[in-house]
Amino acid sequence: MGMRRVCPNCGGSWAWPLADGRYKCRRCGHRYTSQSVWSACRLPDRLKRKLLEDFVLGVPAYRLRFRRSASLDAIERFFQDIRTILSIAEKTSRELAGELELDETTFGGRRKGKRGWGAAGKVIVFGILQRNGLVRVFPVPRRKRRHILPLVIRHTRPGSLYYTDDWSAYASLAVRGGHVVVRKDQGRPKGRDHLNGIEGFWSYAKHWLYQYRGVPRKFFHVYLGEISFRFNHRREDLYPLIYKRLLHTEVKELKRS
């Protein structure tokens, strides 16, 4: 996987390398620099490899402040760059098809006041899980049909079999493919149909977030991207996957995400 260089002037991705280390766009002739996320980080390579191993193992940055020869801010910036790269990877993943479970949940600590979908300080997340396969997750501003259904259309293939709860917004899915409504009695599904896959992912995601002692709302989407990447590659060694992306992702891509 080569680093995808993009001209900041015209957006072209074809360029000639120049003797001074810059690149010249074949489309508009603009000269520009191109730097990977790995090389842009000024920490020593040996330290970056150790930090990457810590990240893969799920060690939060605050637990490393006395164990690594870097400041807490430097470690957090490096980890945040990794999360952003993983979030970008999740955005470009292919459509899901087959048996799909759809559900929504909220993330955030307990607070006094209104409960449910409109509770203050909560982030609503919509998820699509392919049974025995991948997951896609999206923060949404409101639990409304106009926010949910466009995501279903964009990220799933027509003709799929959709498993959902009895929320009325899902009724139109019968036109797009098969639709199974899972009804519950005191929190337990009636019959053999279920949403155990996506509900299991919610538990997995909240377990990962708990160790961070709270996540800034403006960065929540990149933490969610990290978690979905970990889940989708749960049967693989994450270290070489992430290392390759650090080497071949351009710094400018982080700024655009």
Protein backbone atom coordinates (compact mmCIF):
# COMPACT_ATOMS: atom_id res chain seq x y z
CA MET A 1 0.00 0.00 0.00
CA GLY A 2 1.77 3.16 -1.17
CA MET A 3 1.19 6.54 0.42
CA ARG A 4 -1.55 8.40 -1.44
CA ARG A 5 -0.13 11.85 -2.17
CA VAL A 6 -2.70 14.54 -2.92
CA CYS A 7 -1.88 17.92 -4.43
CA PRO A 8 -3.09 20.68 -2.05
CA ASN A 9 -3.73 22.95 -5.05
CA CYS A 10 -5.90 20.82 -7.36
CA GLY A 11 -6.45 17.54 -5.49
CA GLY A 12 -4.59 15.47 -8.09
CA SER A 13 -2.96 12.25 -6.90
CA TRP A 14 -0.27 11.88 -9.62
CA ALA A 15 3.09 13.58 -9.04
CA TRP A 16 6.78 13.45 -9.98
CA PRO A 17 9.35 13.25 -7.15
CA LEU A 18 11.84 16.14 -7.22
CA ALA A 19 15.50 16.18 -6.17
CA ASP A 20 14.80 18.46 -3.17
CA GLY A 21 12.35 15.97 -1.65
CA ARG A 22 9.21 17.74 -2.85
CA TYR A 23 6.68 16.56 -5.45
CA LYS A 24 5.39 18.20 -8.63
CA CYS A 25 1.75 17.64 -9.51
CA ARG A 26 1.30 16.20 -13.01
CA ARG A 27 -2.03 17.97 -13.41
CA CYS A 28 -1.30 21.57 -12.38
CA GLY A 29 2.49 21.65 -11.86
CA HIS A 30 2.23 22.73 -8.22
CA ARG A 31 5.22 21.77 -6.04
CA TYR A 32 4.50 20.51 -2.54
CA THR A 33 5.88 18.37 0.27
CA SER A 34 4.49 15.00 1.28
CA GLN A 35 5.09 13.49 4.70
CA SER A 36 3.73 10.38 6.36
CA VAL A 37 2.18 10.45 9.82
CA TRP A 38 4.98 8.21 11.09
CA SER A 39 7.79 10.45 9.86
CA ALA A 40 5.99 13.64 10.95
CA CYS A 41 6.03 12.53 14.57
CA ARG A 42 9.32 13.76 16.07
CA LEU A 43 9.61 11.03 18.69
CA PRO A 44 12.44 8.52 18.16
CA ASP A 45 11.46 5.53 16.03
CA ARG A 46 12.27 3.09 18.82
CA LEU A 47 9.96 4.95 21.20
CA LYS A 48 7.21 5.15 18.58
CA ARG A 49 7.35 1.37 18.13
CA LYS A 50 7.00 0.87 21.88
CA LEU A 51 4.09 3.29 22.03
CA LEU A 52 2.41 1.57 19.10
CA GLU A 53 2.70 -1.73 20.94
CA ASP A 54 1.15 -0.10 24.02
CA PHE A 55 -1.68 1.26 21.89
CA VAL A 56 -2.36 -2.14 20.34
CA LEU A 57 -2.55 -3.65 23.84
CA GLY A 58 -5.06 -0.96 24.84
CA VAL A 59 -2.93 0.87 27.41
CA PRO A 60 -4.27 4.43 27.91
CA ALA A 61 -1.79 7.29 27.56
CA TYR A 62 -2.11 8.44 31.20
CA ARG A 63 -0.80 5.07 32.40
CA LEU A 64 2.39 5.51 30.37
CA ARG A 65 3.46 8.94 31.60
CA PHE A 66 6.03 7.42 34.02
CA ARG A 67 6.98 4.45 31.84
CA ARG A 68 8.02 6.11 28.57
CA SER A 69 10.58 8.84 27.86
CA ALA A 70 8.00 11.21 26.38
CA SER A 71 5.57 13.72 27.84
CA LEU A 72 1.94 12.80 28.35
CA ASP A 73 0.94 15.37 25.71
CA ALA A 74 3.30 13.80 23.13
CA ILE A 75 1.95 10.32 23.83
CA GLU A 76 -1.65 11.51 23.60
CA ARG A 77 -0.97 13.27 20.27
CA PHE A 78 0.60 10.13 18.83
CA PHE A 79 -2.31 7.97 20.01
CA GLN A 80 -4.81 10.50 18.65
CA ASP A 81 -3.13 10.38 15.22
CA ILE A 82 -3.45 6.59 15.26
CA ARG A 83 -7.14 6.82 16.15
CA THR A 84 -7.74 9.30 13.34
CA ILE A 85 -6.07 6.97 10.82
CA LEU A 86 -8.24 4.06 11.98
CA SER A 87 -11.34 6.24 11.78
CA ILE A 88 -10.46 7.14 8.17
CA ALA A 89 -10.02 3.44 7.37
CA GLU A 90 -13.46 2.66 8.74
CA LYS A 91 -15.09 5.40 6.65
CA THR A 92 -13.73 3.91 3.42
CA SER A 93 -14.82 0.33 4.10
CA ARG A 94 -17.13 -1.54 1.74
CA GLU A 95 -20.91 -1.98 1.97
CA LEU A 96 -22.36 -4.62 4.27
CA ALA A 97 -24.68 -7.32 2.94
CA GLY A 98 -26.42 -10.51 4.05
CA GLU A 99 -27.97 -10.78 7.51
CA LEU A 100 -27.65 -7.37 9.15
CA GLU A 101 -28.56 -6.23 12.66
CA LEU A 102 -29.46 -2.54 13.13
CA ASP A 103 -29.69 -0.80 16.49
CA GLU A 104 -29.02 2.45 18.36
CA THR A 105 -27.60 3.19 21.79
CA THR A 106 -26.28 6.08 23.86
CA PHE A 107 -22.77 6.65 25.23
CA GLY A 108 -21.98 8.82 28.23
CA GLY A 109 -21.82 8.72 32.01
CA ARG A 110 -24.82 8.79 34.29
CA ARG A 111 -26.22 12.25 35.02
CA LYS A 112 -29.14 13.67 36.90
CA GLY A 113 -32.11 14.93 34.92
CA LYS A 114 -33.84 13.69 31.80
CA ARG A 115 -33.19 10.09 30.81
CA GLY A 116 -33.54 8.27 27.49
CA TRP A 117 -32.70 9.48 23.98
CA GLY A 118 -32.80 13.16 24.90
CA ALA A 119 -30.62 12.97 28.00
CA ALA A 120 -28.05 15.74 28.38
CA GLY A 121 -24.42 14.84 27.76
CA LYS A 122 -25.21 11.63 25.88
CA VAL A 123 -24.03 10.74 22.38
CA ILE A 124 -26.44 8.70 20.24
CA VAL A 125 -24.75 6.06 18.09
CA PHE A 126 -26.31 4.02 15.29
CA GLY A 127 -24.79 0.66 14.37
CA ILE A 128 -25.01 -1.92 11.58
CA LEU A 129 -23.56 -5.35 12.21
CA GLN A 130 -23.17 -8.10 9.63
CA ARG A 131 -23.69 -11.39 11.42
CA ASN A 132 -20.36 -13.19 11.85
CA GLY A 133 -18.72 -10.26 10.08
CA LEU A 134 -18.07 -6.52 10.23
CA VAL A 135 -19.64 -3.59 12.04
CA ARG A 136 -20.24 0.05 11.05
CA VAL A 137 -21.00 2.68 13.68
CA PHE A 138 -22.01 6.34 13.35
CA PRO A 139 -22.63 9.11 15.88
CA VAL A 140 -25.95 10.78 15.00
CA PRO A 141 -27.37 14.11 16.27
CA ARG A 142 -30.86 12.74 16.98
CA ARG A 143 -32.68 9.40 16.96
CA LYS A 144 -34.72 10.39 13.93
CA ARG A 145 -35.59 8.61 10.70
CA ARG A 146 -33.91 11.34 8.60
CA HIS A 147 -30.56 10.68 10.32
CA ILE A 148 -30.72 6.87 10.39
CA LEU A 149 -32.13 5.69 7.05
CA PRO A 150 -29.61 7.55 4.81
CA LEU A 151 -26.83 5.66 6.65
CA VAL A 152 -28.59 2.35 5.97
CA ILE A 153 -28.93 3.18 2.28
CA ARG A 154 -25.30 4.33 1.98
CA HIS A 155 -23.64 1.47 3.84
CA THR A 156 -25.75 -1.62 3.08
CA ARG A 157 -26.53 -3.50 -0.11
CA PRO A 158 -30.12 -3.81 -1.38
CA GLY A 159 -31.56 -7.28 -0.92
CA SER A 160 -30.04 -7.74 2.54
CA LEU A 161 -32.02 -9.19 5.43
CA TYR A 162 -32.45 -6.58 8.16
CA TYR A 163 -33.06 -7.42 11.82
CA THR A 164 -34.32 -4.45 13.86
CA ASP A 165 -36.43 -3.62 16.89
CA ASP A 166 -40.01 -2.39 16.46
CA TRP A 167 -39.13 1.30 16.00
CA SER A 168 -41.46 2.65 13.29
CA ALA A 169 -38.62 4.34 11.37
CA TYR A 170 -37.45 0.90 10.20
CA ALA A 171 -40.77 -0.02 8.58
CA SER A 172 -39.65 1.05 5.10
CA LEU A 173 -36.76 -1.45 5.08
CA ALA A 174 -39.17 -4.10 3.77
CA VAL A 175 -38.97 -2.29 0.41
CA ARG A 176 -35.17 -2.48 0.35
CA GLY A 177 -34.86 -6.15 1.37
CA GLY A 178 -36.09 -8.64 3.94
CA HIS A 179 -37.12 -7.19 7.29
CA VAL A 180 -37.45 -9.08 10.58
CA VAL A 181 -38.83 -7.18 13.57
CA VAL A 182 -37.43 -8.43 16.89
CA ARG A 183 -39.96 -7.82 19.64
CA LYS A 184 -39.00 -7.98 23.30
CA ASP A 185 -40.68 -8.78 26.58
CA GLN A 186 -38.97 -7.20 29.61
CA GLY A 187 -35.77 -6.80 27.62
CA ARG A 188 -35.68 -10.34 26.24
CA PRO A 189 -36.49 -11.15 22.60
CA LYS A 190 -39.61 -13.13 21.88
CA GLY A 191 -39.01 -16.18 19.70
CA ARG A 192 -35.71 -17.14 18.05
CA ASP A 193 -34.93 -13.84 16.30
CA HIS A 194 -32.50 -11.58 18.15
CA LEU A 195 -30.10 -8.62 18.02
CA ASN A 196 -27.40 -10.28 20.12
CA GLY A 197 -24.58 -9.39 17.72
CA ILE A 198 -24.97 -5.61 17.74
CA GLU A 199 -25.89 -5.59 21.44
CA GLY A 200 -22.68 -7.51 22.11
CA PHE A 201 -20.73 -4.89 20.19
CA TRP A 202 -22.25 -2.10 22.31
CA SER A 203 -20.98 -3.89 25.40
CA TYR A 204 -17.55 -4.33 23.78
CA ALA A 205 -17.37 -0.63 22.82
CA LYS A 206 -18.41 0.68 26.23
CA HIS A 207 -15.88 -1.60 27.91
CA TRP A 208 -13.09 -0.10 25.77
CA LEU A 209 -14.19 3.48 26.44
CA TYR A 210 -14.47 3.00 30.20
CA GLN A 211 -10.70 2.86 30.69
CA TYR A 212 -10.19 6.30 29.12
CA ARG A 213 -11.89 8.12 32.04
CA GLY A 214 -14.13 10.05 29.72
CA VAL A 215 -13.77 11.05 26.07
CA PRO A 216 -14.00 14.66 24.75
CA ARG A 217 -17.19 14.97 22.74
CA LYS A 218 -15.46 16.54 19.71
CA PHE A 219 -13.13 13.52 19.44
CA PHE A 220 -15.72 10.86 20.18
CA HIS A 221 -16.00 9.85 16.50
CA VAL A 222 -12.28 8.92 16.29
CA TYR A 223 -12.48 6.83 19.46
CA LEU A 224 -15.49 5.10 17.92
CA GLY A 225 -13.46 4.54 14.74
CA GLU A 226 -10.69 2.94 16.79
CA ILE A 227 -13.12 0.58 18.50
CA SER A 228 -14.84 -0.51 15.28
CA PHE A 229 -11.42 -1.08 13.63
CA ARG A 230 -10.35 -3.25 16.57
CA PHE A 231 -13.58 -5.23 16.34
CA ASN A 232 -13.43 -5.65 12.56
CA HIS A 233 -9.82 -6.90 12.77
CA ARG A 234 -10.26 -8.90 15.98
CA ARG A 235 -8.79 -12.04 14.41
CA GLU A 236 -5.63 -10.27 13.17
CA ASP A 237 -2.45 -8.88 14.70
CA LEU A 238 -3.13 -5.15 14.84
CA TYR A 239 0.50 -4.03 15.14
CA PRO A 240 1.57 -4.56 11.48
CA LEU A 241 -1.82 -3.30 10.20
CA ILE A 242 -1.56 -0.01 12.07
CA TYR A 243 2.19 0.40 11.48
CA LYS A 244 1.67 0.12 7.73
CA ARG A 245 -1.05 2.76 7.84
CA LEU A 246 1.16 5.12 9.83
CA LEU A 247 3.90 4.75 7.22
CA HIS A 248 1.62 5.23 4.23
CA THR A 249 -0.91 7.83 5.39
CA GLU A 250 -0.11 11.43 4.56
CA VAL A 251 -0.32 14.07 7.32
CA LYS A 252 -2.69 16.16 5.21
CA GLU A 253 -5.27 13.35 5.34
CA LEU A 254 -5.53 13.74 9.12
CA LYS A 255 -6.30 17.44 8.77
CA ARG A 256 -9.09 16.74 6.28
CA SER A 257 -10.79 14.08 8.42
